[in-house]
Amino acid sequence: MTDTTTVPWIRRRTTIIGFVLIAFIAWTLGAQEWTAKDCGTWQGYGLVVEHLGTPDHYEGCEDEPGGPAYTSDYGG
């Protein structure tokens, strides 16, 4: 006789892995939007979390002596 208690656990684990993978892909796509607005790659990941998504048309980064810095007056 097979043990049927492991099947729901495997489905639950697979579902969690799927949700985490989808969240990471969405986070990466959002970071790419920030990178396209002259922000650094890792800075883009942080800005996705900080601003809860992609940049508006007036948001982006400008070159500063210490590296790109966020601005809400991005001219592109």
N, C-alpha and C. Protein backbone atom coordinates (compact mmCIF):
# COMPACT_ATOMS: atom_id res chain seq x y z
N MET A 1 0.83 -1.18 0.00
CA MET A 1 0.00 0.00 0.00
C MET A 1 0.89 1.26 0.00
N THR A 2 0.53 2.27 -0.77
CA THR A 2 1.34 3.48 -0.85
C THR A 2 0.92 4.48 0.20
N ASP A 3 1.87 5.32 0.55
CA ASP A 3 1.61 6.35 1.54
C ASP A 3 1.08 7.60 0.82
N THR A 4 -0.18 7.92 0.99
CA THR A 4 -0.80 9.05 0.28
C THR A 4 -0.59 10.37 0.99
N THR A 5 0.02 10.39 2.17
CA THR A 5 0.22 11.65 2.88
C THR A 5 1.35 12.48 2.27
N THR A 6 2.23 11.88 1.48
CA THR A 6 3.32 12.65 0.87
C THR A 6 2.88 13.42 -0.36
N VAL A 7 1.86 12.99 -1.03
CA VAL A 7 1.43 13.66 -2.26
C VAL A 7 0.98 15.09 -2.00
N PRO A 8 0.12 15.38 -1.02
CA PRO A 8 -0.25 16.78 -0.78
C PRO A 8 0.95 17.65 -0.40
N TRP A 9 1.90 17.09 0.34
CA TRP A 9 3.08 17.86 0.72
C TRP A 9 3.90 18.23 -0.52
N ILE A 10 4.03 17.30 -1.45
CA ILE A 10 4.78 17.58 -2.68
C ILE A 10 4.05 18.64 -3.50
N ARG A 11 2.76 18.56 -3.59
CA ARG A 11 1.99 19.58 -4.32
C ARG A 11 2.14 20.94 -3.66
N ARG A 12 2.09 20.97 -2.34
CA ARG A 12 2.21 22.22 -1.61
C ARG A 12 3.61 22.82 -1.84
N ARG A 13 4.65 21.99 -1.79
CA ARG A 13 6.01 22.46 -2.01
C ARG A 13 6.17 22.97 -3.44
N THR A 14 5.63 22.27 -4.40
CA THR A 14 5.71 22.68 -5.80
C THR A 14 4.97 23.99 -6.01
N THR A 15 3.84 24.16 -5.38
CA THR A 15 3.08 25.40 -5.49
C THR A 15 3.86 26.57 -4.91
N ILE A 16 4.48 26.37 -3.76
CA ILE A 16 5.26 27.43 -3.13
C ILE A 16 6.45 27.80 -4.01
N ILE A 17 7.15 26.81 -4.54
CA ILE A 17 8.28 27.07 -5.44
C ILE A 17 7.80 27.83 -6.67
N GLY A 18 6.65 27.47 -7.20
CA GLY A 18 6.09 28.17 -8.36
C GLY A 18 5.80 29.63 -8.06
N PHE A 19 5.18 29.90 -6.92
CA PHE A 19 4.88 31.28 -6.54
C PHE A 19 6.15 32.09 -6.32
N VAL A 20 7.15 31.49 -5.69
CA VAL A 20 8.42 32.18 -5.47
C VAL A 20 9.10 32.48 -6.81
N LEU A 21 9.08 31.53 -7.72
CA LEU A 21 9.67 31.73 -9.04
C LEU A 21 8.96 32.84 -9.81
N ILE A 22 7.65 32.85 -9.78
CA ILE A 22 6.88 33.90 -10.46
C ILE A 22 7.16 35.26 -9.83
N ALA A 23 7.24 35.33 -8.50
CA ALA A 23 7.54 36.59 -7.82
C ALA A 23 8.93 37.09 -8.19
N PHE A 24 9.90 36.19 -8.26
CA PHE A 24 11.26 36.59 -8.63
C PHE A 24 11.32 37.09 -10.06
N ILE A 25 10.60 36.45 -10.96
CA ILE A 25 10.57 36.90 -12.36
C ILE A 25 9.93 38.29 -12.45
N ALA A 26 8.84 38.50 -11.74
CA ALA A 26 8.18 39.80 -11.75
C ALA A 26 9.10 40.87 -11.16
N TRP A 27 9.82 40.53 -10.09
CA TRP A 27 10.75 41.45 -9.45
C TRP A 27 11.89 41.82 -10.42
N THR A 28 12.38 40.83 -11.16
CA THR A 28 13.45 41.06 -12.13
C THR A 28 12.97 41.94 -13.28
N LEU A 29 11.76 41.71 -13.75
CA LEU A 29 11.21 42.55 -14.83
C LEU A 29 11.04 43.99 -14.36
N GLY A 30 10.60 44.16 -13.12
CA GLY A 30 10.48 45.51 -12.57
C GLY A 30 11.84 46.18 -12.44
N ALA A 31 12.84 45.42 -12.00
CA ALA A 31 14.19 45.97 -11.87
C ALA A 31 14.75 46.38 -13.22
N GLN A 32 14.42 45.64 -14.26
CA GLN A 32 14.88 46.01 -15.60
C GLN A 32 14.27 47.33 -16.06
N GLU A 33 13.04 47.59 -15.65
CA GLU A 33 12.42 48.88 -15.99
C GLU A 33 13.20 50.03 -15.34
N TRP A 34 13.63 49.84 -14.09
CA TRP A 34 14.42 50.87 -13.42
C TRP A 34 15.81 50.99 -14.05
N THR A 35 16.39 49.87 -14.45
CA THR A 35 17.70 49.90 -15.08
C THR A 35 17.64 50.65 -16.41
N ALA A 36 16.54 50.52 -17.12
CA ALA A 36 16.36 51.26 -18.37
C ALA A 36 16.28 52.76 -18.14
N LYS A 37 15.99 53.16 -16.91
CA LYS A 37 15.93 54.58 -16.56
C LYS A 37 17.23 55.01 -15.88
N ASP A 38 18.34 54.38 -16.24
CA ASP A 38 19.70 54.73 -15.80
C ASP A 38 20.03 54.39 -14.35
N CYS A 39 19.25 53.51 -13.72
CA CYS A 39 19.57 53.06 -12.37
C CYS A 39 20.46 51.83 -12.45
N GLY A 40 21.23 51.58 -11.40
CA GLY A 40 22.06 50.39 -11.35
C GLY A 40 21.20 49.14 -11.22
N THR A 41 21.78 47.98 -11.56
CA THR A 41 21.02 46.74 -11.52
C THR A 41 20.50 46.45 -10.12
N TRP A 42 21.40 46.44 -9.14
CA TRP A 42 20.96 46.13 -7.77
C TRP A 42 20.11 47.24 -7.19
N GLN A 43 20.38 48.47 -7.60
CA GLN A 43 19.55 49.60 -7.17
C GLN A 43 18.14 49.43 -7.72
N GLY A 44 18.01 48.90 -8.92
CA GLY A 44 16.70 48.65 -9.52
C GLY A 44 15.87 47.68 -8.70
N TYR A 45 16.49 46.61 -8.20
CA TYR A 45 15.76 45.66 -7.34
C TYR A 45 15.25 46.36 -6.08
N GLY A 46 16.08 47.20 -5.49
CA GLY A 46 15.65 47.93 -4.30
C GLY A 46 14.54 48.92 -4.58
N LEU A 47 14.62 49.58 -5.72
CA LEU A 47 13.59 50.56 -6.08
C LEU A 47 12.25 49.89 -6.37
N VAL A 48 12.26 48.67 -6.88
CA VAL A 48 11.00 47.94 -7.10
C VAL A 48 10.30 47.76 -5.75
N VAL A 49 11.06 47.40 -4.74
CA VAL A 49 10.47 47.19 -3.41
C VAL A 49 10.08 48.52 -2.79
N GLU A 50 10.95 49.51 -2.91
CA GLU A 50 10.71 50.82 -2.29
C GLU A 50 9.49 51.52 -2.89
N HIS A 51 9.33 51.43 -4.20
CA HIS A 51 8.24 52.13 -4.88
C HIS A 51 7.09 51.19 -5.28
N LEU A 52 7.18 49.95 -4.86
CA LEU A 52 6.16 48.94 -5.12
C LEU A 52 5.84 48.79 -6.60
N GLY A 53 6.89 48.75 -7.41
CA GLY A 53 6.67 48.51 -8.83
C GLY A 53 7.63 49.24 -9.72
N THR A 54 7.19 49.44 -10.94
CA THR A 54 8.03 50.06 -11.96
C THR A 54 7.95 51.58 -11.86
N PRO A 55 8.89 52.27 -12.50
CA PRO A 55 8.91 53.73 -12.41
C PRO A 55 7.81 54.38 -13.24
N ASP A 56 7.33 55.51 -12.75
CA ASP A 56 6.45 56.35 -13.55
C ASP A 56 7.33 57.09 -14.56
N HIS A 57 6.72 57.77 -15.50
CA HIS A 57 7.48 58.44 -16.56
C HIS A 57 8.41 59.52 -16.03
N TYR A 58 8.12 60.09 -14.87
CA TYR A 58 8.94 61.17 -14.31
C TYR A 58 9.98 60.66 -13.29
N GLU A 59 10.06 59.35 -13.06
CA GLU A 59 11.01 58.78 -12.10
C GLU A 59 12.16 58.10 -12.83
N GLY A 60 13.32 58.12 -12.22
CA GLY A 60 14.48 57.47 -12.80
C GLY A 60 15.71 57.75 -11.95
N CYS A 61 16.89 57.64 -12.53
CA CYS A 61 18.14 57.91 -11.82
C CYS A 61 19.01 58.83 -12.66
N GLU A 62 19.80 59.63 -11.98
CA GLU A 62 20.75 60.52 -12.63
C GLU A 62 22.14 60.19 -12.13
N ASP A 63 23.14 60.41 -12.98
CA ASP A 63 24.52 60.17 -12.58
C ASP A 63 24.94 61.15 -11.50
N GLU A 64 25.53 60.62 -10.46
CA GLU A 64 26.08 61.41 -9.37
C GLU A 64 27.50 60.92 -9.13
N PRO A 65 28.34 61.67 -8.44
CA PRO A 65 29.71 61.21 -8.18
C PRO A 65 29.78 59.85 -7.48
N GLY A 66 28.84 59.51 -6.63
CA GLY A 66 28.84 58.22 -5.93
C GLY A 66 28.09 57.13 -6.68
N GLY A 67 27.64 57.39 -7.88
CA GLY A 67 26.86 56.44 -8.66
C GLY A 67 25.48 56.99 -8.94
N PRO A 68 24.65 56.23 -9.64
CA PRO A 68 23.32 56.72 -9.98
C PRO A 68 22.48 56.96 -8.72
N ALA A 69 21.72 58.04 -8.75
CA ALA A 69 20.86 58.39 -7.61
C ALA A 69 19.43 58.58 -8.11
N TYR A 70 18.47 58.14 -7.31
CA TYR A 70 17.05 58.26 -7.65
C TYR A 70 16.65 59.72 -7.74
N THR A 71 15.80 60.02 -8.71
CA THR A 71 15.21 61.35 -8.82
C THR A 71 13.76 61.21 -9.26
N SER A 72 12.92 62.10 -8.75
CA SER A 72 11.51 62.10 -9.17
C SER A 72 11.29 63.11 -10.29
N ASP A 73 12.40 63.64 -10.82
CA ASP A 73 12.34 64.61 -11.93
C ASP A 73 13.26 64.12 -13.04
N TYR A 74 13.00 62.91 -13.53
CA TYR A 74 13.83 62.26 -14.54
C TYR A 74 13.51 62.81 -15.91
N GLY A 75 14.54 63.23 -16.63
CA GLY A 75 14.33 63.79 -17.96
C GLY A 75 14.64 62.82 -19.08
N GLY A 76 15.31 61.72 -18.79
CA GLY A 76 15.62 60.70 -19.79
C GLY A 76 16.69 61.11 -20.69
